[in-house]
């Protein structure tokens, strides 16, 4: 059977990524919930021009470590709270203040334990640059999107091939038409 992997390279701080994620998560993927041939993969792309973006991605990845089944629900919460992490909104927040706020966001209504998320984000104060439990995930994520040539968000790949025609402004119908066409044509 034909299989379609929708690989979405997204940044939590990018409004266009948020728009695309919300469309896929809330409207498109539920329509294909019973179709095992369609998968959506969220690829984290923290953008360096928004330093707080890395903290947002670290919080999402911390949820993934605690309970992977809650990752998409937590991601939805992070996107919904974008305004709290706009440059002007968090310019005076410390790293730990950002983590504290993000832990509240990702655990609100998701069923994820707040302390478990904070434990994943706890820095090892004995070493000046070792990071925390999520650091290696961030490094691999950055390497992966760089190797794939992803520089801006959102970027979508369908079965490993970049789909430049896909945009953040797509409607559910446009997505459903594209997915159906890809499933009918096993050669993307």
C-alpha atoms as a PDB file:
ATOM      1  CA  UNK A   1       0.000   0.000   0.000  1.00  0.00           C
ATOM      2  CA  UNK A   2       1.201   3.522  -0.739  1.00  0.00           C
ATOM      3  CA  UNK A   3       2.420   5.358   2.334  1.00  0.00           C
ATOM      4  CA  UNK A   4       2.853   9.089   2.888  1.00  0.00           C
ATOM      5  CA  UNK A   5       5.088  10.723   5.462  1.00  0.00           C
ATOM      6  CA  UNK A   6       4.422  14.437   5.875  1.00  0.00           C
ATOM      7  CA  UNK A   7       7.582  15.809   7.438  1.00  0.00           C
ATOM      8  CA  UNK A   8       7.030  19.321   8.789  1.00  0.00           C
ATOM      9  CA  UNK A   9      10.032  21.434   9.727  1.00  0.00           C
ATOM     10  CA  UNK A  10       8.585  23.955  12.151  1.00  0.00           C
ATOM     11  CA  UNK A  11       9.671  26.655  14.584  1.00  0.00           C
ATOM     12  CA  UNK A  12       7.511  27.345  17.623  1.00  0.00           C
ATOM     13  CA  UNK A  13       8.271  31.053  17.332  1.00  0.00           C
ATOM     14  CA  UNK A  14       7.253  31.326  13.669  1.00  0.00           C
ATOM     15  CA  UNK A  15       3.628  32.412  13.138  1.00  0.00           C
ATOM     16  CA  UNK A  16       3.546  30.645   9.751  1.00  0.00           C
ATOM     17  CA  UNK A  17       4.705  27.410  11.364  1.00  0.00           C
ATOM     18  CA  UNK A  18       1.961  27.842  13.947  1.00  0.00           C
ATOM     19  CA  UNK A  19      -0.635  28.343  11.254  1.00  0.00           C
ATOM     20  CA  UNK A  20       0.496  25.228   9.379  1.00  0.00           C
ATOM     21  CA  UNK A  21       0.735  23.104  12.529  1.00  0.00           C
ATOM     22  CA  UNK A  22      -2.736  24.130  13.672  1.00  0.00           C
ATOM     23  CA  UNK A  23      -4.253  23.295  10.296  1.00  0.00           C
ATOM     24  CA  UNK A  24      -2.574  19.891  10.168  1.00  0.00           C
ATOM     25  CA  UNK A  25      -3.062  18.991  13.830  1.00  0.00           C
ATOM     26  CA  UNK A  26      -6.638  20.226  14.241  1.00  0.00           C
ATOM     27  CA  UNK A  27      -8.202  19.669  10.831  1.00  0.00           C
ATOM     28  CA  UNK A  28      -6.177  17.598   8.392  1.00  0.00           C
ATOM     29  CA  UNK A  29      -4.652  14.741  10.380  1.00  0.00           C
ATOM     30  CA  UNK A  30      -7.894  13.960  12.241  1.00  0.00           C
ATOM     31  CA  UNK A  31      -9.477  13.293   8.819  1.00  0.00           C
ATOM     32  CA  UNK A  32      -6.787  10.640   8.211  1.00  0.00           C
ATOM     33  CA  UNK A  33      -6.731   9.276  11.765  1.00  0.00           C
ATOM     34  CA  UNK A  34      -7.983   5.861  10.682  1.00  0.00           C
ATOM     35  CA  UNK A  35      -5.695   5.711   7.640  1.00  0.00           C
ATOM     36  CA  UNK A  36      -2.423   4.043   8.695  1.00  0.00           C
ATOM     37  CA  UNK A  37      -0.816   5.093   5.400  1.00  0.00           C
ATOM     38  CA  UNK A  38      -0.511   8.756   6.472  1.00  0.00           C
ATOM     39  CA  UNK A  39       2.010   9.928   9.074  1.00  0.00           C
ATOM     40  CA  UNK A  40       2.980  13.410  10.189  1.00  0.00           C
ATOM     41  CA  UNK A  41       6.414  14.077  11.629  1.00  0.00           C
ATOM     42  CA  UNK A  42       7.243  17.270  13.498  1.00  0.00           C
ATOM     43  CA  UNK A  43      10.864  18.304  12.958  1.00  0.00           C
ATOM     44  CA  UNK A  44      12.078  20.938  15.412  1.00  0.00           C
ATOM     45  CA  UNK A  45      13.793  23.955  13.838  1.00  0.00           C
ATOM     46  CA  UNK A  46      14.754  26.502  16.498  1.00  0.00           C
ATOM     47  CA  UNK A  47      15.636  29.675  14.608  1.00  0.00           C
ATOM     48  CA  UNK A  48      18.727  31.522  15.864  1.00  0.00           C
ATOM     49  CA  UNK A  49      17.281  34.983  15.263  1.00  0.00           C
ATOM     50  CA  UNK A  50      14.811  34.239  18.083  1.00  0.00           C
ATOM     51  CA  UNK A  51      17.043  32.940  20.908  1.00  0.00           C
ATOM     52  CA  UNK A  52      14.001  32.031  23.008  1.00  0.00           C
ATOM     53  CA  UNK A  53      12.915  29.669  20.240  1.00  0.00           C
ATOM     54  CA  UNK A  54      15.509  27.186  21.468  1.00  0.00           C
ATOM     55  CA  UNK A  55      13.888  27.209  24.931  1.00  0.00           C
ATOM     56  CA  UNK A  56      10.495  26.568  23.342  1.00  0.00           C
ATOM     57  CA  UNK A  57      11.876  23.590  21.429  1.00  0.00           C
ATOM     58  CA  UNK A  58      13.658  22.299  24.507  1.00  0.00           C
ATOM     59  CA  UNK A  59      10.344  22.344  26.392  1.00  0.00           C
ATOM     60  CA  UNK A  60       8.625  20.440  23.580  1.00  0.00           C
ATOM     61  CA  UNK A  61      11.423  17.889  23.517  1.00  0.00           C
ATOM     62  CA  UNK A  62      11.289  17.577  27.315  1.00  0.00           C
ATOM     63  CA  UNK A  63       7.642  16.568  26.964  1.00  0.00           C
ATOM     64  CA  UNK A  64       8.678  14.034  24.324  1.00  0.00           C
ATOM     65  CA  UNK A  65      11.129  12.507  26.817  1.00  0.00           C
ATOM     66  CA  UNK A  66       8.531  12.415  29.607  1.00  0.00           C
ATOM     67  CA  UNK A  67       5.591  11.125  27.534  1.00  0.00           C
ATOM     68  CA  UNK A  68       5.978  11.055  23.765  1.00  0.00           C
ATOM     69  CA  UNK A  69       2.233  10.557  23.282  1.00  0.00           C
ATOM     70  CA  UNK A  70       1.673  14.102  24.625  1.00  0.00           C
ATOM     71  CA  UNK A  71       4.177  15.821  22.313  1.00  0.00           C
ATOM     72  CA  UNK A  72       1.650  17.085  19.753  1.00  0.00           C
ATOM     73  CA  UNK A  73      -0.768  18.340  22.413  1.00  0.00           C
ATOM     74  CA  UNK A  74       2.097  20.161  24.143  1.00  0.00           C
ATOM     75  CA  UNK A  75       3.260  21.559  20.790  1.00  0.00           C
ATOM     76  CA  UNK A  76      -0.214  22.925  20.209  1.00  0.00           C
ATOM     77  CA  UNK A  77       0.007  24.697  23.578  1.00  0.00           C
ATOM     78  CA  UNK A  78       3.433  26.180  22.740  1.00  0.00           C
ATOM     79  CA  UNK A  79       2.158  27.513  19.413  1.00  0.00           C
ATOM     80  CA  UNK A  80      -0.904  28.971  21.145  1.00  0.00           C
ATOM     81  CA  UNK A  81       1.408  30.853  23.527  1.00  0.00           C
ATOM     82  CA  UNK A  82       3.631  32.362  20.823  1.00  0.00           C
ATOM     83  CA  UNK A  83       2.886  35.908  21.972  1.00  0.00           C
ATOM     84  CA  UNK A  84       4.421  35.153  25.381  1.00  0.00           C
ATOM     85  CA  UNK A  85       7.708  34.372  23.636  1.00  0.00           C
ATOM     86  CA  UNK A  86       7.812  37.147  21.069  1.00  0.00           C
ATOM     87  CA  UNK A  87      11.063  39.096  21.258  1.00  0.00           C
ATOM     88  CA  UNK A  88       9.485  42.052  23.055  1.00  0.00           C
ATOM     89  CA  UNK A  89       7.584  39.836  25.500  1.00  0.00           C
ATOM     90  CA  UNK A  90      10.495  37.871  26.905  1.00  0.00           C
ATOM     91  CA  UNK A  91      13.488  40.146  26.443  1.00  0.00           C
ATOM     92  CA  UNK A  92      13.940  40.509  30.201  1.00  0.00           C
ATOM     93  CA  UNK A  93      13.270  36.866  31.095  1.00  0.00           C
ATOM     94  CA  UNK A  94      16.096  34.605  32.236  1.00  0.00           C
ATOM     95  CA  UNK A  95      16.526  31.135  30.815  1.00  0.00           C
ATOM     96  CA  UNK A  96      15.031  29.596  33.951  1.00  0.00           C
ATOM     97  CA  UNK A  97      12.073  31.995  33.844  1.00  0.00           C
ATOM     98  CA  UNK A  98      11.414  30.922  30.259  1.00  0.00           C
ATOM     99  CA  UNK A  99      11.596  27.244  31.274  1.00  0.00           C
ATOM    100  CA  UNK A 100       9.258  27.867  34.202  1.00  0.00           C
ATOM    101  CA  UNK A 101       6.698  29.578  31.987  1.00  0.00           C
ATOM    102  CA  UNK A 102       7.009  26.903  29.300  1.00  0.00           C
ATOM    103  CA  UNK A 103       6.552  24.118  31.855  1.00  0.00           C
ATOM    104  CA  UNK A 104       3.270  25.742  32.872  1.00  0.00           C
ATOM    105  CA  UNK A 105       2.216  25.978  29.225  1.00  0.00           C
ATOM    106  CA  UNK A 106       3.070  22.421  28.142  1.00  0.00           C
ATOM    107  CA  UNK A 107       1.491  20.804  31.202  1.00  0.00           C
ATOM    108  CA  UNK A 108      -1.740  22.821  31.230  1.00  0.00           C
ATOM    109  CA  UNK A 109      -4.418  20.313  30.267  1.00  0.00           C
ATOM    110  CA  UNK A 110      -2.045  17.851  28.601  1.00  0.00           C
ATOM    111  CA  UNK A 111      -1.682  15.416  31.484  1.00  0.00           C
ATOM    112  CA  UNK A 112       2.098  15.824  31.544  1.00  0.00           C
ATOM    113  CA  UNK A 113       3.701  16.114  34.969  1.00  0.00           C
ATOM    114  CA  UNK A 114       5.212  19.582  35.398  1.00  0.00           C
ATOM    115  CA  UNK A 115       8.067  18.485  37.664  1.00  0.00           C
ATOM    116  CA  UNK A 116       9.065  15.771  35.197  1.00  0.00           C
ATOM    117  CA  UNK A 117       9.343  18.395  32.444  1.00  0.00           C
ATOM    118  CA  UNK A 118      11.398  20.670  34.704  1.00  0.00           C
ATOM    119  CA  UNK A 119      13.667  17.744  35.596  1.00  0.00           C
ATOM    120  CA  UNK A 120      14.470  17.291  31.892  1.00  0.00           C
ATOM    121  CA  UNK A 121      15.365  20.993  31.612  1.00  0.00           C
ATOM    122  CA  UNK A 122      17.501  21.156  34.751  1.00  0.00           C
ATOM    123  CA  UNK A 123      21.022  22.267  33.961  1.00  0.00           C
ATOM    124  CA  UNK A 124      23.964  20.439  35.449  1.00  0.00           C
ATOM    125  CA  UNK A 125      25.630  23.214  37.439  1.00  0.00           C
ATOM    126  CA  UNK A 126      28.767  21.141  37.912  1.00  0.00           C
ATOM    127  CA  UNK A 127      29.775  21.500  34.269  1.00  0.00           C
ATOM    128  CA  UNK A 128      29.678  24.846  32.543  1.00  0.00           C
ATOM    129  CA  UNK A 129      28.542  23.617  29.143  1.00  0.00           C
ATOM    130  CA  UNK A 130      27.113  20.110  29.363  1.00  0.00           C
ATOM    131  CA  UNK A 131      23.515  21.295  29.111  1.00  0.00           C
ATOM    132  CA  UNK A 132      20.625  19.116  30.233  1.00  0.00           C
ATOM    133  CA  UNK A 133      18.725  16.002  29.154  1.00  0.00           C
ATOM    134  CA  UNK A 134      17.372  17.693  26.019  1.00  0.00           C
ATOM    135  CA  UNK A 135      20.629  19.240  24.787  1.00  0.00           C
ATOM    136  CA  UNK A 136      21.662  16.283  22.646  1.00  0.00           C
ATOM    137  CA  UNK A 137      18.198  16.180  21.044  1.00  0.00           C
ATOM    138  CA  UNK A 138      18.531  19.867  20.110  1.00  0.00           C
ATOM    139  CA  UNK A 139      21.956  19.236  18.600  1.00  0.00           C
ATOM    140  CA  UNK A 140      20.725  16.324  16.483  1.00  0.00           C
ATOM    141  CA  UNK A 141      17.646  18.288  15.458  1.00  0.00           C
ATOM    142  CA  UNK A 142      19.795  21.204  14.264  1.00  0.00           C
ATOM    143  CA  UNK A 143      22.127  18.878  12.394  1.00  0.00           C
ATOM    144  CA  UNK A 144      19.214  17.065  10.755  1.00  0.00           C
ATOM    145  CA  UNK A 145      17.477  20.153   9.390  1.00  0.00           C
ATOM    146  CA  UNK A 146      20.792  21.632   8.234  1.00  0.00           C
ATOM    147  CA  UNK A 147      21.735  18.438   6.372  1.00  0.00           C
ATOM    148  CA  UNK A 148      18.304  18.475   4.724  1.00  0.00           C
ATOM    149  CA  UNK A 149      18.848  22.073   3.602  1.00  0.00           C
ATOM    150  CA  UNK A 150      16.026  23.537   5.692  1.00  0.00           C
ATOM    151  CA  UNK A 151      16.698  27.171   6.534  1.00  0.00           C
ATOM    152  CA  UNK A 152      13.259  28.742   6.842  1.00  0.00           C
ATOM    153  CA  UNK A 153      10.042  27.579   8.407  1.00  0.00           C
ATOM    154  CA  UNK A 154       7.696  26.103   7.674  1.00  0.00           C
ATOM    155  CA  UNK A 155       9.219  23.668   5.201  1.00  0.00           C
ATOM    156  CA  UNK A 156       7.486  20.435   4.217  1.00  0.00           C
ATOM    157  CA  UNK A 157       8.858  17.215   2.782  1.00  0.00           C
ATOM    158  CA  UNK A 158       6.587  14.488   1.416  1.00  0.00           C
ATOM    159  CA  UNK A 159       8.241  11.067   1.525  1.00  0.00           C
ATOM    160  CA  UNK A 160      11.618  12.760   1.734  1.00  0.00           C
ATOM    161  CA  UNK A 161      11.114  15.172  -1.154  1.00  0.00           C
ATOM    162  CA  UNK A 162      10.713  18.881  -0.464  1.00  0.00           C
ATOM    163  CA  UNK A 163       7.258  20.130  -1.423  1.00  0.00           C
ATOM    164  CA  UNK A 164       7.777  23.822  -2.224  1.00  0.00           C
ATOM    165  CA  UNK A 165       4.186  24.186  -3.384  1.00  0.00           C
ATOM    166  CA  UNK A 166       2.885  23.532   0.156  1.00  0.00           C
ATOM    167  CA  UNK A 167       2.284  26.682   2.154  1.00  0.00           C
ATOM    168  CA  UNK A 168       1.206  27.840   5.569  1.00  0.00           C
ATOM    169  CA  UNK A 169      -1.935  29.372   4.076  1.00  0.00           C
ATOM    170  CA  UNK A 170      -3.234  26.064   2.759  1.00  0.00           C
ATOM    171  CA  UNK A 171      -6.774  25.108   3.660  1.00  0.00           C
ATOM    172  CA  UNK A 172      -7.794  21.682   4.922  1.00  0.00           C
ATOM    173  CA  UNK A 173      -9.189  20.938   1.462  1.00  0.00           C
ATOM    174  CA  UNK A 174      -5.896  21.733  -0.248  1.00  0.00           C
ATOM    175  CA  UNK A 175      -4.064  19.456   2.179  1.00  0.00           C
ATOM    176  CA  UNK A 176      -6.579  16.647   1.725  1.00  0.00           C
ATOM    177  CA  UNK A 177      -6.325  16.921  -2.075  1.00  0.00           C
ATOM    178  CA  UNK A 178      -2.515  16.792  -1.927  1.00  0.00           C
ATOM    179  CA  UNK A 179      -2.493  13.837   0.465  1.00  0.00           C
ATOM    180  CA  UNK A 180      -5.031  11.912  -1.603  1.00  0.00           C
ATOM    181  CA  UNK A 181      -3.067  12.569  -4.798  1.00  0.00           C
ATOM    182  CA  UNK A 182       0.158  11.403  -3.151  1.00  0.00           C
ATOM    183  CA  UNK A 183      -1.487   8.222  -1.916  1.00  0.00           C
ATOM    184  CA  UNK A 184      -2.880   7.506  -5.379  1.00  0.00           C
ATOM    185  CA  UNK A 185       0.514   8.109  -6.984  1.00  0.00           C
ATOM    186  CA  UNK A 186       3.097   6.057  -5.141  1.00  0.00           C
ATOM    187  CA  UNK A 187       5.847   7.862  -7.057  1.00  0.00           C
ATOM    188  CA  UNK A 188       6.047  11.319  -5.545  1.00  0.00           C
END
